[in-house]
Amino acid sequence: MYKIDLNTGERKLLMTLAPSDVAGVTTIIDLRMTADGKAYGYSFSRELSDLFQVEGVR
Protein backbone atom coordinates (compact mmCIF):
# COMPACT_ATOMS: atom_id res chain seq x y z
CA MET A 1 0.00 0.00 0.00
CA TYR A 2 1.31 3.39 -0.98
CA LYS A 3 0.62 6.90 0.21
CA ILE A 4 0.53 9.32 -2.74
CA ASP A 5 1.12 13.05 -2.41
CA LEU A 6 -1.48 14.52 -4.76
CA ASN A 7 0.54 17.74 -5.20
CA THR A 8 3.84 16.15 -6.21
CA GLY A 9 2.80 12.63 -7.27
CA GLU A 10 5.43 11.19 -4.90
CA ARG A 11 4.67 7.64 -3.72
CA LYS A 12 5.73 6.30 -0.31
CA LEU A 13 5.40 2.62 0.63
CA LEU A 14 3.35 2.33 3.82
CA MET A 15 2.89 -1.43 4.17
CA THR A 16 2.67 -4.69 2.29
CA LEU A 17 -0.60 -6.58 2.70
CA ALA A 18 -0.53 -10.37 2.66
CA PRO A 19 -2.09 -13.21 4.65
CA SER A 20 0.22 -15.28 6.85
CA ASP A 21 0.03 -18.17 4.35
CA VAL A 22 0.41 -16.76 0.83
CA ALA A 23 0.15 -20.11 -0.98
CA GLY A 24 -2.26 -19.75 -3.88
CA VAL A 25 -3.17 -16.12 -3.14
CA THR A 26 -3.91 -14.34 -6.40
CA THR A 27 -5.49 -11.04 -5.36
CA ILE A 28 -6.00 -8.81 -2.33
CA ILE A 29 -9.54 -7.41 -2.50
CA ASP A 30 -12.00 -5.35 -0.48
CA LEU A 31 -9.55 -3.39 1.68
CA ARG A 32 -11.01 -1.32 4.52
CA MET A 33 -8.92 1.01 6.68
CA THR A 34 -9.59 3.35 9.58
CA ALA A 35 -9.11 7.08 8.96
CA ASP A 36 -5.89 7.12 10.98
CA GLY A 37 -4.49 4.08 9.13
CA LYS A 38 -3.80 2.14 12.32
CA ALA A 39 -6.29 -0.68 11.69
CA TYR A 40 -7.33 -2.44 8.51
CA GLY A 41 -9.04 -5.52 7.16
CA TYR A 42 -9.10 -7.17 3.76
CA SER A 43 -10.23 -10.23 1.84
CA PHE A 44 -8.26 -12.22 -0.68
CA SER A 45 -8.73 -14.75 -3.46
CA ARG A 46 -6.95 -18.09 -3.24
CA GLU A 47 -6.66 -20.77 -5.89
CA LEU A 48 -5.41 -24.16 -4.76
CA SER A 49 -5.24 -27.44 -6.66
CA ASP A 50 -3.94 -30.99 -6.33
CA LEU A 51 -1.47 -32.67 -8.66
CA PHE A 52 -1.47 -36.45 -8.89
CA GLN A 53 1.24 -38.60 -10.47
CA VAL A 54 0.14 -42.02 -11.69
CA GLU A 55 2.61 -44.68 -12.76
CA GLY A 56 2.14 -48.09 -14.39
CA VAL A 57 -1.23 -47.34 -16.04
CA ARG A 58 -1.81 -48.82 -19.49
PDB file of N, CA and C in Angstrom:
ATOM      1  N   MET A   1       0.836  -1.146   0.000  1.00  0.00           N
ATOM      2  CA  MET A   1       0.000   0.000   0.000  1.00  0.00           C
ATOM      3  C   MET A   1       0.897   1.230   0.000  1.00  0.00           C
ATOM      4  N   TYR A   2       0.527   2.166  -0.842  1.00  0.00           N
ATOM      5  CA  TYR A   2       1.311   3.390  -0.984  1.00  0.00           C
ATOM      6  C   TYR A   2       0.503   4.606  -0.543  1.00  0.00           C
ATOM      7  N   LYS A   3       1.197   5.579  -0.039  1.00  0.00           N
ATOM      8  CA  LYS A   3       0.621   6.897   0.206  1.00  0.00           C
ATOM      9  C   LYS A   3       1.100   7.774  -0.943  1.00  0.00           C
ATOM     10  N   ILE A   4       0.178   8.485  -1.587  1.00  0.00           N
ATOM     11  CA  ILE A   4       0.527   9.316  -2.738  1.00  0.00           C
ATOM     12  C   ILE A   4       0.255  10.780  -2.400  1.00  0.00           C
ATOM     13  N   ASP A   5       1.266  11.601  -2.575  1.00  0.00           N
ATOM     14  CA  ASP A   5       1.122  13.046  -2.411  1.00  0.00           C
ATOM     15  C   ASP A   5       0.474  13.578  -3.688  1.00  0.00           C
ATOM     16  N   LEU A   6      -0.746  14.068  -3.583  1.00  0.00           N
ATOM     17  CA  LEU A   6      -1.476  14.520  -4.764  1.00  0.00           C
ATOM     18  C   LEU A   6      -0.868  15.767  -5.401  1.00  0.00           C
ATOM     19  N   ASN A   7      -0.099  16.536  -4.654  1.00  0.00           N
ATOM     20  CA  ASN A   7       0.535  17.739  -5.201  1.00  0.00           C
ATOM     21  C   ASN A   7       1.779  17.397  -6.017  1.00  0.00           C
ATOM     22  N   THR A   8       2.570  16.449  -5.538  1.00  0.00           N
ATOM     23  CA  THR A   8       3.836  16.147  -6.214  1.00  0.00           C
ATOM     24  C   THR A   8       3.814  14.819  -6.974  1.00  0.00           C
ATOM     25  N   GLY A   9       2.842  13.952  -6.653  1.00  0.00           N
ATOM     26  CA  GLY A   9       2.800  12.628  -7.272  1.00  0.00           C
ATOM     27  C   GLY A   9       3.763  11.637  -6.629  1.00  0.00           C
ATOM     28  N   GLU A  10       4.465  12.064  -5.580  1.00  0.00           N
ATOM     29  CA  GLU A  10       5.429  11.193  -4.903  1.00  0.00           C
ATOM     30  C   GLU A  10       4.698  10.050  -4.192  1.00  0.00           C
ATOM     31  N   ARG A  11       5.225   8.820  -4.374  1.00  0.00           N
ATOM     32  CA  ARG A  11       4.670   7.636  -3.722  1.00  0.00           C
ATOM     33  C   ARG A  11       5.583   7.201  -2.585  1.00  0.00           C
ATOM     34  N   LYS A  12       4.964   6.806  -1.460  1.00  0.00           N
ATOM     35  CA  LYS A  12       5.727   6.303  -0.313  1.00  0.00           C
ATOM     36  C   LYS A  12       5.085   4.989   0.131  1.00  0.00           C
ATOM     37  N   LEU A  13       5.902   3.924   0.203  1.00  0.00           N
ATOM     38  CA  LEU A  13       5.402   2.624   0.633  1.00  0.00           C
ATOM     39  C   LEU A  13       5.047   2.681   2.106  1.00  0.00           C
ATOM     40  N   LEU A  14       3.784   2.339   2.440  1.00  0.00           N
ATOM     41  CA  LEU A  14       3.345   2.328   3.824  1.00  0.00           C
ATOM     42  C   LEU A  14       3.413   0.924   4.418  1.00  0.00           C
ATOM     43  N   MET A  15       2.893  -0.061   3.687  1.00  0.00           N
ATOM     44  CA  MET A  15       2.888  -1.431   4.174  1.00  0.00           C
ATOM     45  C   MET A  15       2.629  -2.385   3.018  1.00  0.00           C
ATOM     46  N   THR A  16       2.976  -3.631   3.247  1.00  0.00           N
ATOM     47  CA  THR A  16       2.675  -4.686   2.290  1.00  0.00           C
ATOM     48  C   THR A  16       1.606  -5.577   2.905  1.00  0.00           C
ATOM     49  N   LEU A  17       0.498  -5.760   2.200  1.00  0.00           N
ATOM     50  CA  LEU A  17      -0.600  -6.580   2.698  1.00  0.00           C
ATOM     51  C   LEU A  17      -0.480  -7.998   2.171  1.00  0.00           C
ATOM     52  N   ALA A  18      -0.558  -8.974   3.061  1.00  0.00           N
ATOM     53  CA  ALA A  18      -0.531 -10.375   2.664  1.00  0.00           C
ATOM     54  C   ALA A  18      -0.984 -11.227   3.838  1.00  0.00           C
ATOM     55  N   PRO A  19      -1.742 -12.294   3.568  1.00  0.00           N
ATOM     56  CA  PRO A  19      -2.093 -13.210   4.650  1.00  0.00           C
ATOM     57  C   PRO A  19      -0.853 -13.959   5.131  1.00  0.00           C
ATOM     58  N   SER A  20      -0.942 -14.578   6.300  1.00  0.00           N
ATOM     59  CA  SER A  20       0.224 -15.283   6.852  1.00  0.00           C
ATOM     60  C   SER A  20       0.653 -16.456   5.972  1.00  0.00           C
ATOM     61  N   ASP A  21      -0.291 -17.097   5.289  1.00  0.00           N
ATOM     62  CA  ASP A  21       0.027 -18.172   4.347  1.00  0.00           C
ATOM     63  C   ASP A  21      -0.329 -17.667   2.952  1.00  0.00           C
ATOM     64  N   VAL A  22       0.659 -17.354   2.144  1.00  0.00           N
ATOM     65  CA  VAL A  22       0.408 -16.758   0.827  1.00  0.00           C
ATOM     66  C   VAL A  22       0.244 -17.787  -0.289  1.00  0.00           C
ATOM     67  N   ALA A  23       0.279 -19.077   0.049  1.00  0.00           N
ATOM     68  CA  ALA A  23       0.148 -20.112  -0.977  1.00  0.00           C
ATOM     69  C   ALA A  23      -1.172 -19.958  -1.729  1.00  0.00           C
ATOM     70  N   GLY A  24      -1.086 -19.829  -3.035  1.00  0.00           N
ATOM     71  CA  GLY A  24      -2.261 -19.751  -3.884  1.00  0.00           C
ATOM     72  C   GLY A  24      -2.974 -18.421  -3.909  1.00  0.00           C
ATOM     73  N   VAL A  25      -2.496 -17.426  -3.166  1.00  0.00           N
ATOM     74  CA  VAL A  25      -3.168 -16.122  -3.139  1.00  0.00           C
ATOM     75  C   VAL A  25      -2.924 -15.419  -4.463  1.00  0.00           C
ATOM     76  N   THR A  26      -4.011 -14.996  -5.099  1.00  0.00           N
ATOM     77  CA  THR A  26      -3.907 -14.341  -6.405  1.00  0.00           C
ATOM     78  C   THR A  26      -4.201 -12.850  -6.337  1.00  0.00           C
ATOM     79  N   THR A  27      -5.070 -12.437  -5.395  1.00  0.00           N
ATOM     80  CA  THR A  27      -5.486 -11.040  -5.362  1.00  0.00           C
ATOM     81  C   THR A  27      -5.877 -10.628  -3.950  1.00  0.00           C
ATOM     82  N   ILE A  28      -5.488  -9.436  -3.545  1.00  0.00           N
ATOM     83  CA  ILE A  28      -5.998  -8.813  -2.326  1.00  0.00           C
ATOM     84  C   ILE A  28      -7.178  -7.947  -2.748  1.00  0.00           C
ATOM     85  N   ILE A  29      -8.334  -8.137  -2.098  1.00  0.00           N
ATOM     86  CA  ILE A  29      -9.541  -7.405  -2.495  1.00  0.00           C
ATOM     87  C   ILE A  29     -10.231  -6.822  -1.269  1.00  0.00           C
ATOM     88  N   ASP A  30     -11.101  -5.881  -1.497  1.00  0.00           N
ATOM     89  CA  ASP A  30     -12.005  -5.351  -0.485  1.00  0.00           C
ATOM     90  C   ASP A  30     -11.277  -4.845   0.759  1.00  0.00           C
ATOM     91  N   LEU A  31     -10.308  -3.969   0.572  1.00  0.00           N
ATOM     92  CA  LEU A  31      -9.550  -3.386   1.681  1.00  0.00           C
ATOM     93  C   LEU A  31     -10.378  -2.323   2.382  1.00  0.00           C
ATOM     94  N   ARG A  32     -10.376  -2.356   3.701  1.00  0.00           N
ATOM     95  CA  ARG A  32     -11.007  -1.322   4.525  1.00  0.00           C
ATOM     96  C   ARG A  32      -9.979  -0.858   5.544  1.00  0.00           C
ATOM     97  N   MET A  33      -9.911   0.457   5.759  1.00  0.00           N
ATOM     98  CA  MET A  33      -8.922   1.008   6.678  1.00  0.00           C
ATOM     99  C   MET A  33      -9.548   2.136   7.495  1.00  0.00           C
ATOM    100  N   THR A  34      -9.126   2.245   8.754  1.00  0.00           N
ATOM    101  CA  THR A  34      -9.594   3.353   9.576  1.00  0.00           C
ATOM    102  C   THR A  34      -8.971   4.661   9.075  1.00  0.00           C
ATOM    103  N   ALA A  35      -9.582   5.769   9.435  1.00  0.00           N
ATOM    104  CA  ALA A  35      -9.109   7.076   8.959  1.00  0.00           C
ATOM    105  C   ALA A  35      -7.664   7.356   9.367  1.00  0.00           C
ATOM    106  N   ASP A  36      -7.256   6.875  10.544  1.00  0.00           N
ATOM    107  CA  ASP A  36      -5.887   7.123  10.984  1.00  0.00           C
ATOM    108  C   ASP A  36      -4.885   6.094  10.443  1.00  0.00           C
ATOM    109  N   GLY A  37      -5.375   5.071   9.742  1.00  0.00           N
ATOM    110  CA  GLY A  37      -4.493   4.079   9.127  1.00  0.00           C
ATOM    111  C   GLY A  37      -3.910   3.060  10.093  1.00  0.00           C
ATOM    112  N   LYS A  38      -4.374   3.046  11.328  1.00  0.00           N
ATOM    113  CA  LYS A  38      -3.797   2.141  12.324  1.00  0.00           C
ATOM    114  C   LYS A  38      -4.434   0.749  12.320  1.00  0.00           C
ATOM    115  N   ALA A  39      -5.615   0.620  11.751  1.00  0.00           N
ATOM    116  CA  ALA A  39      -6.288  -0.677  11.690  1.00  0.00           C
ATOM    117  C   ALA A  39      -6.836  -0.888  10.287  1.00  0.00           C
ATOM    118  N   TYR A  40      -6.831  -2.137   9.837  1.00  0.00           N
ATOM    119  CA  TYR A  40      -7.334  -2.442   8.507  1.00  0.00           C
ATOM    120  C   TYR A  40      -7.807  -3.889   8.441  1.00  0.00           C
ATOM    121  N   GLY A  41      -8.585  -4.162   7.431  1.00  0.00           N
ATOM    122  CA  GLY A  41      -9.044  -5.524   7.159  1.00  0.00           C
ATOM    123  C   GLY A  41      -9.138  -5.694   5.655  1.00  0.00           C
ATOM    124  N   TYR A  42      -9.010  -6.919   5.196  1.00  0.00           N
ATOM    125  CA  TYR A  42      -9.101  -7.174   3.761  1.00  0.00           C
ATOM    126  C   TYR A  42      -9.504  -8.620   3.513  1.00  0.00           C
ATOM    127  N   SER A  43      -9.930  -8.879   2.310  1.00  0.00           N
ATOM    128  CA  SER A  43     -10.226 -10.232   1.842  1.00  0.00           C
ATOM    129  C   SER A  43      -9.237 -10.561   0.741  1.00  0.00           C
ATOM    130  N   PHE A  44      -9.152 -11.840   0.407  1.00  0.00           N
ATOM    131  CA  PHE A  44      -8.258 -12.222  -0.680  1.00  0.00           C
ATOM    132  C   PHE A  44      -8.805 -13.439  -1.401  1.00  0.00           C
ATOM    133  N   SER A  45      -8.372 -13.587  -2.648  1.00  0.00           N
ATOM    134  CA  SER A  45      -8.727 -14.754  -3.460  1.00  0.00           C
ATOM    135  C   SER A  45      -7.585 -15.750  -3.393  1.00  0.00           C
ATOM    136  N   ARG A  46      -7.954 -17.026  -3.289  1.00  0.00           N
ATOM    137  CA  ARG A  46      -6.947 -18.087  -3.235  1.00  0.00           C
ATOM    138  C   ARG A  46      -7.363 -19.195  -4.192  1.00  0.00           C
ATOM    139  N   GLU A  47      -6.413 -19.663  -4.970  1.00  0.00           N
ATOM    140  CA  GLU A  47      -6.662 -20.772  -5.894  1.00  0.00           C
ATOM    141  C   GLU A  47      -5.680 -21.888  -5.572  1.00  0.00           C
ATOM    142  N   LEU A  48      -6.225 -22.998  -5.093  1.00  0.00           N
ATOM    143  CA  LEU A  48      -5.405 -24.158  -4.760  1.00  0.00           C
ATOM    144  C   LEU A  48      -5.831 -25.335  -5.630  1.00  0.00           C
ATOM    145  N   SER A  49      -4.928 -26.250  -5.865  1.00  0.00           N
ATOM    146  CA  SER A  49      -5.244 -27.436  -6.656  1.00  0.00           C
ATOM    147  C   SER A  49      -4.379 -28.599  -6.181  1.00  0.00           C
ATOM    148  N   ASP A  50      -4.706 -29.783  -6.646  1.00  0.00           N
ATOM    149  CA  ASP A  50      -3.940 -30.986  -6.329  1.00  0.00           C
ATOM    150  C   ASP A  50      -3.340 -31.538  -7.616  1.00  0.00           C
ATOM    151  N   LEU A  51      -2.129 -32.053  -7.526  1.00  0.00           N
ATOM    152  CA  LEU A  51      -1.467 -32.672  -8.660  1.00  0.00           C
ATOM    153  C   LEU A  51      -1.202 -34.137  -8.280  1.00  0.00           C
ATOM    154  N   PHE A  52      -1.652 -35.036  -9.137  1.00  0.00           N
ATOM    155  CA  PHE A  52      -1.467 -36.455  -8.891  1.00  0.00           C
ATOM    156  C   PHE A  52      -0.539 -37.030  -9.950  1.00  0.00           C
ATOM    157  N   GLN A  53       0.360 -37.898  -9.541  1.00  0.00           N
ATOM    158  CA  GLN A  53       1.244 -38.604 -10.467  1.00  0.00           C
ATOM    159  C   GLN A  53       0.862 -40.087 -10.420  1.00  0.00           C
ATOM    160  N   VAL A  54       0.547 -40.621 -11.599  1.00  0.00           N
ATOM    161  CA  VAL A  54       0.141 -42.022 -11.693  1.00  0.00           C
ATOM    162  C   VAL A  54       1.184 -42.751 -12.535  1.00  0.00           C
ATOM    163  N   GLU A  55       1.621 -43.882 -12.022  1.00  0.00           N
ATOM    164  CA  GLU A  55       2.606 -44.678 -12.757  1.00  0.00           C
ATOM    165  C   GLU A  55       2.044 -46.071 -13.013  1.00  0.00           C
ATOM    166  N   GLY A  56       2.499 -46.702 -14.091  1.00  0.00           N
ATOM    167  CA  GLY A  56       2.141 -48.088 -14.391  1.00  0.00           C
ATOM    168  C   GLY A  56       0.741 -48.269 -14.963  1.00  0.00           C
ATOM    169  N   VAL A  57       0.114 -47.229 -15.444  1.00  0.00           N
ATOM    170  CA  VAL A  57      -1.227 -47.342 -16.044  1.00  0.00           C
ATOM    171  C   VAL A  57      -1.071 -47.587 -17.535  1.00  0.00           C
ATOM    172  N   ARG A  58      -1.865 -48.536 -18.046  1.00  0.00           N
ATOM    173  CA  ARG A  58      -1.808 -48.822 -19.489  1.00  0.00           C
ATOM    174  C   ARG A  58      -3.010 -48.314 -20.192  1.00  0.00           C
TER     175      ARG A  58
END
